[in-house]
Amino acid sequence: MSPGSPTTFGLLASVPVCTPLRQGRPQQQVQAPPRLQPRVHKKLPVILQDGRPVCESLSSWSTSTRRSRPAPRATSPMTPTTRMAGKEDMKLLGMLVSPFAIRVRMALSMKGVSYEYAEEDLLNKSDLLLSSNPVHKMVPVLIHNGKPLCESLVIVQYVDELFAGPSILPTDPYKRATARFWAAFVDDKLCPAWIGILKETKTEDERAEKVKVAHAAIMQIEEAFPKLSEGKAFFGGDSIGYLDIVLGSCLFWFEAFRRMFDVEIIKSSEAPLLAAWAERFGETAEAKEVVPEADEAVQYAHKLRAAYAAAVTK
C-alpha cells in the first residue's frame, strides 16, 4: 500500500478488518490496532489518512472524496457556483433564542450576506414554516431564491460553500472532516441532554441525570480541545470557525440553566479549557452581534414550561 493511501476499518463477519481503498487483488485482512479505534463512539467505520483517524461515515466520505482535489485556499475559492456576498433573494426563518438559528445568522454575518429575517413562534408556527420544512416543522429554514434549506449544520455548510470570504469550515480536508465529526457529536450527544433539562425533567433526580449526560459530553470535548484548536484560542484557530459556532450557539442557554436551576454545564473546575474558550467566544464581535442575553432564554423557558404544563392538564 502506497504512503498516504487511505485505509478503512469495517465490519465483516463481526471481525474488524483493514481493507485498502484501491482496486485489484484483495489485501490481507488484519486486526485494527487498539490505538486506532475511535475514542468517542468506539464504533466503525474509521478511515485512516496518513495515520490520522476520521470517524463517522459521512465525515470519512468527505475526506476521501476530497483527496484528489487541489488544496483549497484560506478563503472560499471563487468557482462558478461561488458568489460574492451581495443582494440575494434570501430569507431566514428563525427564532431569537434558537441556538440552531443563531448558527445560521452567525454564518451569514461572517460572510457578509444580507438577508430578510422572519421571527417564528414555535408555539404558533406560520404557514410558511410548515410548508418550507414539512418534515421537522422547526427553525432554522433558509429560503434562497425560493428554495428552502433546513437543518443548521447543513445550512452553515451551504453558506460557507456558496459565498466567497473567510472560510468557516477548515480548508484542510482532514480538519474539515474532524470538525464535522465533532459538530455532529454536539448535536447528537450534548444538545439532547441540555434540551432535556428544560423539556423532560420534573424532579431534581431527573434533572441531575440529564446534567450528568451533558457533563460527560462536555468532558470529551474538553479533552479534544487542545488538538482541535492546535493550542490556539478557538476551535477554528485564531478566530472562530465552524465548531465554535456550533457549540458557542448553546452557551447562553447554559447560563440560563445556571440562573434557573443552579446547574453548570461547563464547570471551570472540571473543564477549564472550555470555560476559558467560552469567555473568549462571548467577547467576539460575531457573538455579540447575534447571540442574545441569557435573560431572553430564561423568559422563553418559563413560557415554554407553562405551555407544556397547560398541555398536560388538558
Protein backbone atom coordinates (compact mmCIF):
# COMPACT_ATOMS: atom_id res chain seq x y z
CA MET A 1 0.00 0.00 0.00
CA SER A 2 1.48 3.33 -1.05
CA PRO A 3 2.19 6.07 1.52
CA GLY A 4 -0.81 8.27 2.15
CA SER A 5 -3.29 5.70 0.86
CA PRO A 6 -6.50 5.84 2.87
CA THR A 7 -7.42 2.74 4.83
CA THR A 8 -10.80 1.85 6.29
CA PHE A 9 -11.79 -0.31 9.21
CA GLY A 10 -15.06 -2.06 8.51
CA LEU A 11 -17.07 -4.95 9.87
CA LEU A 12 -17.02 -8.36 8.16
CA ALA A 13 -18.42 -11.38 9.94
CA SER A 14 -18.19 -9.42 13.19
CA VAL A 15 -14.39 -9.05 12.83
CA PRO A 16 -12.75 -5.61 12.43
CA VAL A 17 -10.70 -5.68 9.24
CA CYS A 18 -8.35 -3.37 7.42
CA THR A 19 -9.07 -3.03 3.69
CA PRO A 20 -7.06 -0.70 1.42
CA LEU A 21 -9.28 1.51 -0.74
CA ARG A 22 -7.95 0.53 -4.18
CA GLN A 23 -8.88 -1.81 -6.96
CA GLY A 24 -7.07 -5.06 -7.54
CA ARG A 25 -6.37 -8.14 -5.51
CA PRO A 26 -7.92 -8.05 -2.02
CA GLN A 27 -5.29 -7.42 0.61
CA GLN A 28 -4.79 -9.48 3.71
CA GLN A 29 -7.24 -8.68 6.47
CA VAL A 30 -5.59 -7.57 9.69
CA GLN A 31 -6.84 -6.69 13.14
CA ALA A 32 -7.10 -2.97 13.72
CA PRO A 33 -4.56 -1.79 16.32
CA PRO A 34 -6.37 -0.81 19.53
CA ARG A 35 -4.86 2.69 19.49
CA LEU A 36 -6.57 3.39 16.19
CA GLN A 37 -10.05 2.53 17.38
CA PRO A 38 -12.39 5.52 17.83
CA ARG A 39 -12.13 7.00 21.32
CA VAL A 40 -15.53 8.69 21.41
CA HIS A 41 -18.15 6.34 19.98
CA LYS A 42 -15.95 3.22 19.77
CA LYS A 43 -17.75 2.22 16.58
CA LEU A 44 -17.00 1.63 12.92
CA PRO A 45 -16.20 2.86 10.32
CA VAL A 46 -12.84 4.56 10.81
CA ILE A 47 -10.75 5.82 7.90
CA LEU A 48 -7.01 6.34 8.38
CA GLN A 49 -5.44 9.09 6.28
CA ASP A 50 -1.68 9.34 6.74
CA GLY A 51 -2.11 7.65 10.12
CA ARG A 52 -4.83 10.06 11.28
CA PRO A 53 -8.23 8.51 12.10
CA VAL A 54 -11.50 10.00 10.88
CA CYS A 55 -14.71 8.57 12.35
CA GLU A 56 -18.35 8.63 11.18
CA SER A 57 -19.21 7.56 7.64
CA LEU A 58 -20.23 11.00 6.34
CA SER A 59 -17.08 12.66 7.68
CA SER A 60 -14.92 9.89 6.24
CA TRP A 61 -16.62 10.22 2.87
CA SER A 62 -15.88 13.94 2.86
CA THR A 63 -12.17 13.26 3.41
CA SER A 64 -11.86 10.51 0.80
CA THR A 65 -13.72 12.39 -1.94
CA ARG A 66 -11.58 15.48 -1.47
CA ARG A 67 -8.30 13.59 -1.68
CA SER A 68 -7.72 14.19 -5.37
CA ARG A 69 -8.80 17.83 -5.36
CA PRO A 70 -6.35 20.75 -5.33
CA ALA A 71 -5.59 22.13 -1.90
CA PRO A 72 -8.16 24.82 -1.05
CA ARG A 73 -7.18 28.32 -0.12
CA ALA A 74 -7.69 30.04 3.19
CA THR A 75 -10.80 31.73 1.82
CA SER A 76 -13.67 30.19 -0.06
CA PRO A 77 -12.40 29.88 -3.67
CA MET A 78 -14.26 31.62 -6.47
CA THR A 79 -15.84 28.88 -8.53
CA PRO A 80 -18.75 29.01 -10.99
CA THR A 81 -21.08 28.27 -8.06
CA THR A 82 -19.39 30.60 -5.57
CA ARG A 83 -20.61 34.18 -5.45
CA MET A 84 -19.61 37.34 -3.73
CA ALA A 85 -21.85 38.47 -0.91
CA GLY A 86 -24.36 40.97 -2.22
CA LYS A 87 -28.05 41.40 -2.77
CA GLU A 88 -29.59 37.93 -2.61
CA ASP A 89 -33.16 36.70 -2.55
CA MET A 90 -32.63 35.14 0.84
CA LYS A 91 -34.95 34.79 3.82
CA LEU A 92 -34.22 33.15 7.14
CA LEU A 93 -36.95 31.72 9.34
CA GLY A 94 -35.60 31.67 12.85
CA MET A 95 -36.21 32.38 16.50
CA LEU A 96 -34.31 34.73 18.77
CA VAL A 97 -33.43 32.05 21.35
CA SER A 98 -32.89 29.13 18.96
CA PRO A 99 -29.20 28.17 19.08
CA PHE A 100 -29.67 26.43 15.75
CA ALA A 101 -30.95 29.60 14.07
CA ILE A 102 -28.13 31.56 15.72
CA ARG A 103 -25.60 29.34 13.94
CA VAL A 104 -27.02 30.34 10.57
CA ARG A 105 -27.19 34.02 11.48
CA MET A 106 -23.54 33.94 12.54
CA ALA A 107 -22.50 32.21 9.32
CA LEU A 108 -24.37 34.72 7.15
CA SER A 109 -22.85 37.58 9.13
CA MET A 110 -19.33 36.19 8.79
CA LYS A 111 -19.80 36.01 5.01
CA GLY A 112 -21.31 39.48 4.86
CA VAL A 113 -24.57 38.27 3.32
CA SER A 114 -27.71 40.40 3.52
CA TYR A 115 -30.98 38.58 4.14
CA GLU A 116 -34.53 39.06 5.32
CA TYR A 117 -35.22 37.68 8.79
CA ALA A 118 -38.59 36.38 9.97
CA GLU A 119 -39.09 35.58 13.67
CA GLU A 120 -41.13 32.43 14.23
CA ASP A 121 -43.28 31.43 17.19
CA LEU A 122 -42.85 27.68 17.60
CA LEU A 123 -45.99 27.56 19.70
CA ASN A 124 -47.91 29.03 16.77
CA LYS A 125 -45.99 28.09 13.63
CA SER A 126 -46.51 30.04 10.44
CA ASP A 127 -47.79 28.50 7.22
CA LEU A 128 -44.51 29.45 5.58
CA LEU A 129 -42.53 27.46 8.14
CA LEU A 130 -44.81 24.43 7.85
CA SER A 131 -44.64 24.45 4.06
CA SER A 132 -40.89 25.12 3.95
CA ASN A 133 -39.96 22.43 6.47
CA PRO A 134 -42.77 19.86 6.32
CA VAL A 135 -40.55 17.12 7.80
CA HIS A 136 -39.40 18.61 11.11
CA LYS A 137 -41.50 21.81 11.15
CA MET A 138 -38.70 23.59 13.01
CA VAL A 139 -36.32 26.52 12.56
CA PRO A 140 -33.99 27.40 11.05
CA VAL A 141 -35.06 27.40 7.43
CA LEU A 142 -33.08 29.38 4.86
CA ILE A 143 -35.10 30.16 1.73
CA HIS A 144 -32.72 31.03 -1.11
CA ASN A 145 -34.24 32.03 -4.43
CA GLY A 146 -37.46 30.31 -3.36
CA LYS A 147 -35.77 27.04 -2.42
CA PRO A 148 -35.82 26.09 1.28
CA LEU A 149 -32.91 24.53 3.15
CA CYS A 150 -33.37 23.01 6.61
CA GLU A 151 -31.11 21.91 9.49
CA SER A 152 -28.50 24.30 10.86
CA LEU A 153 -25.38 22.26 10.10
CA VAL A 154 -26.49 21.77 6.51
CA ILE A 155 -27.27 25.46 6.09
CA VAL A 156 -23.98 26.68 7.57
CA GLN A 157 -22.02 24.42 5.22
CA TYR A 158 -24.14 25.63 2.30
CA VAL A 159 -23.46 29.26 3.15
CA ASP A 160 -19.74 28.55 3.54
CA GLU A 161 -19.51 26.82 0.17
CA LEU A 162 -21.73 29.27 -1.71
CA PHE A 163 -20.28 32.62 -0.70
CA ALA A 164 -16.74 33.87 -1.02
CA GLY A 165 -14.97 35.19 2.04
CA PRO A 166 -13.32 33.75 5.14
CA SER A 167 -13.79 30.01 5.27
CA ILE A 168 -15.99 28.88 8.17
CA LEU A 169 -15.08 25.20 7.96
CA PRO A 170 -11.38 24.27 7.91
CA THR A 171 -9.92 24.22 4.40
CA ASP A 172 -7.76 21.16 5.09
CA PRO A 173 -9.83 18.05 4.22
CA TYR A 174 -8.84 16.12 7.37
CA LYS A 175 -9.53 19.05 9.70
CA ARG A 176 -12.78 19.71 7.84
CA ALA A 177 -13.94 16.13 8.38
CA THR A 178 -12.88 16.24 12.04
CA ALA A 179 -14.84 19.45 12.60
CA ARG A 180 -17.91 17.82 11.06
CA PHE A 181 -17.49 14.83 13.35
CA TRP A 182 -17.41 16.97 16.49
CA ALA A 183 -20.28 19.16 15.29
CA ALA A 184 -22.36 16.00 14.89
CA PHE A 185 -21.23 14.94 18.37
CA VAL A 186 -22.52 18.22 19.83
CA ASP A 187 -25.90 17.76 18.17
CA ASP A 188 -26.22 14.03 18.84
CA LYS A 189 -24.90 13.87 22.41
CA LEU A 190 -24.75 17.26 24.08
CA CYS A 191 -27.83 19.04 22.72
CA PRO A 192 -30.37 16.31 23.58
CA ALA A 193 -29.04 16.32 27.14
CA TRP A 194 -29.24 20.05 27.79
CA ILE A 195 -32.54 20.43 25.94
CA GLY A 196 -33.84 17.54 28.03
CA ILE A 197 -33.10 19.56 31.17
CA LEU A 198 -35.72 22.01 30.02
CA LYS A 199 -38.28 19.73 28.42
CA GLU A 200 -38.10 16.35 30.08
CA THR A 201 -37.30 16.88 33.75
CA LYS A 202 -39.85 17.28 36.53
CA THR A 203 -37.79 16.24 39.54
CA GLU A 204 -34.33 17.06 40.82
CA ASP A 205 -33.20 13.47 40.17
CA GLU A 206 -34.34 13.62 36.54
CA ARG A 207 -32.58 16.92 36.06
CA ALA A 208 -29.41 15.61 37.67
CA GLU A 209 -29.37 12.66 35.26
CA LYS A 210 -29.59 14.96 32.22
CA VAL A 211 -26.89 17.21 33.65
CA LYS A 212 -24.67 14.16 34.14
CA VAL A 213 -25.05 13.21 30.48
CA ALA A 214 -24.29 16.77 29.39
CA HIS A 215 -21.19 16.87 31.61
CA ALA A 216 -19.91 13.62 30.10
CA ALA A 217 -20.19 15.10 26.61
CA ILE A 218 -18.51 18.33 27.69
CA MET A 219 -15.58 16.41 29.16
CA GLN A 220 -14.99 14.62 25.87
CA ILE A 221 -14.93 17.96 24.05
CA GLU A 222 -12.62 19.36 26.75
CA GLU A 223 -10.20 16.50 26.12
CA ALA A 224 -10.29 17.10 22.37
CA PHE A 225 -9.94 20.91 22.51
CA PRO A 226 -6.10 21.15 22.63
CA LYS A 227 -5.72 19.07 19.47
CA LEU A 228 -8.66 20.62 17.62
CA SER A 229 -7.54 24.18 18.38
CA GLU A 230 -3.84 23.36 17.92
CA GLY A 231 -3.12 25.37 21.04
CA LYS A 232 -4.88 28.49 19.79
CA ALA A 233 -7.80 30.47 21.20
CA PHE A 234 -10.64 28.83 19.28
CA PHE A 235 -11.55 25.55 17.64
CA GLY A 236 -11.12 27.44 14.38
CA GLY A 237 -7.65 28.68 15.34
CA ASP A 238 -7.01 32.36 15.94
CA SER A 239 -10.62 33.23 15.09
CA ILE A 240 -13.93 31.42 15.42
CA GLY A 241 -14.86 28.73 12.93
CA TYR A 242 -17.41 26.01 12.32
CA LEU A 243 -17.17 24.16 15.62
CA ASP A 244 -17.00 27.40 17.59
CA ILE A 245 -20.32 28.43 16.03
CA VAL A 246 -21.91 25.03 16.67
CA LEU A 247 -21.02 24.84 20.36
CA GLY A 248 -20.93 28.57 21.05
CA SER A 249 -24.53 28.99 19.96
CA CYS A 250 -25.58 26.98 23.03
CA LEU A 251 -23.68 28.95 25.65
CA PHE A 252 -26.38 31.50 26.53
CA TRP A 253 -28.73 28.61 27.30
CA PHE A 254 -26.10 27.14 29.64
CA GLU A 255 -26.07 30.43 31.52
CA ALA A 256 -29.88 30.42 31.59
CA PHE A 257 -29.85 26.99 33.23
CA ARG A 258 -27.38 28.24 35.83
CA ARG A 259 -29.81 31.02 36.72
CA MET A 260 -32.92 28.83 36.63
CA PHE A 261 -31.72 25.56 38.16
CA ASP A 262 -28.33 26.39 39.69
CA VAL A 263 -26.59 23.87 37.41
CA GLU A 264 -23.40 24.40 35.43
CA ILE A 265 -22.96 22.66 32.09
CA ILE A 266 -19.33 23.79 31.70
CA LYS A 267 -17.64 23.74 35.10
CA SER A 268 -14.38 25.69 35.19
CA SER A 269 -13.06 23.30 37.84
CA GLU A 270 -13.57 20.29 35.55
CA ALA A 271 -13.33 21.80 32.06
CA PRO A 272 -11.01 24.81 32.41
CA LEU A 273 -10.09 24.90 28.72
CA LEU A 274 -13.71 25.05 27.56
CA ALA A 275 -14.60 27.52 30.30
CA ALA A 276 -11.85 29.88 29.10
CA TRP A 277 -12.88 29.29 25.47
CA ALA A 278 -16.49 30.18 26.33
CA GLU A 279 -15.36 33.50 27.81
CA ARG A 280 -13.37 34.30 24.67
CA PHE A 281 -16.23 33.29 22.40
CA GLY A 282 -18.66 35.57 24.21
CA GLU A 283 -16.33 38.53 23.66
CA THR A 284 -16.08 38.10 19.88
CA ALA A 285 -17.80 40.58 17.60
CA GLU A 286 -19.61 37.71 15.86
CA ALA A 287 -21.18 36.51 19.10
CA LYS A 288 -22.06 39.98 20.38
CA GLU A 289 -23.86 40.75 17.11
CA VAL A 290 -26.17 37.72 17.14
CA VAL A 291 -26.23 35.82 20.45
CA PRO A 292 -28.96 37.08 22.84
CA GLU A 293 -28.64 37.60 26.56
CA ALA A 294 -29.37 34.68 28.87
CA ASP A 295 -32.39 36.56 30.25
CA GLU A 296 -34.10 36.08 26.87
CA ALA A 297 -33.65 32.33 27.21
CA VAL A 298 -34.93 32.36 30.80
CA GLN A 299 -38.09 34.19 29.75
CA TYR A 300 -38.70 31.81 26.87
CA ALA A 301 -38.04 28.79 29.10
CA HIS A 302 -40.75 29.90 31.54
CA LYS A 303 -43.14 30.43 28.63
CA LEU A 304 -42.34 27.01 27.23
CA ARG A 305 -42.68 25.20 30.53
CA ALA A 306 -46.02 26.92 31.14
CA ALA A 307 -47.23 25.75 27.74
CA TYR A 308 -46.13 22.18 28.50
CA ALA A 309 -47.91 22.25 31.86
CA ALA A 310 -51.11 23.56 30.27
CA ALA A 311 -50.99 20.84 27.64
CA VAL A 312 -50.66 18.13 30.29
CA THR A 313 -53.65 19.37 32.29
CA LYS A 314 -55.98 19.39 29.28
